[in-house]
Amino acid sequence: MLLNCIVYFFFIFITFVIPSEFEIKELYKESVKWRDQAGKEYNIKIKDEFKLSEDTKLYGPRKSITILISDMIKNSLESLESDTKKNKELRLEMYEKDGKLNVEIYDTGKGIKKEHLDKIFGMFSHGKFGGTGKGLYFGKRLVERLGGKLNVDSIEGEYAKFTFYLDVLKREKDKQKDT
């Protein structure tokens, strides 16, 4: 029994913490696979802009980055689900800028009150019923640990946009230079 627990926690550690190389398209597919159904159910227009070259790869903790993107999309969907606007939109953009992976998640939901913008990344800080207030806290720490930055821009009643970048891009041509 103890051995099973040790193996399980070792697997969790490897999956969430140990970096590996993987394709960004795989990350994208894992992050959004459930999102489209929720969009249809709540009449949310989904837009994706994937502006990365085919040979672009990431080097980092794959599972943690996937969960970060999925959680941020989930937060946007929750904001949009309860919104009464007719034109609801969720946009996910992935692009390269200055050699870094940039991810933007934008929604036309409830937005965030101006006085809460500097608090939302704090532990146990959340603006929704049933949330734990740990998602953005751990997400920001993960992004910073990977040499990036996580920002928010929002106007209450209009939109919320979360942007983060990670300095974890890897291309086949870069790998060839290393050898």
Foldseek 3Di string as FASTA:
>chain_A
DVVVVVVVVVVVCCQQFPKDKDAVVVLVCLLCVVPVVLCVVQVEAEEEAEADDRQKIFIGNSVNVSVLSNVVSVVQSVQSNPAPDNHWYWYWYWHDDPQKTKIKIKIQGQWDDPVCQVPLLDQQDDDDPPDRSCSSVVSQVRLVVQVKGWHWDTDGNGMIMIMMIGNGIDGPVNVVVVD
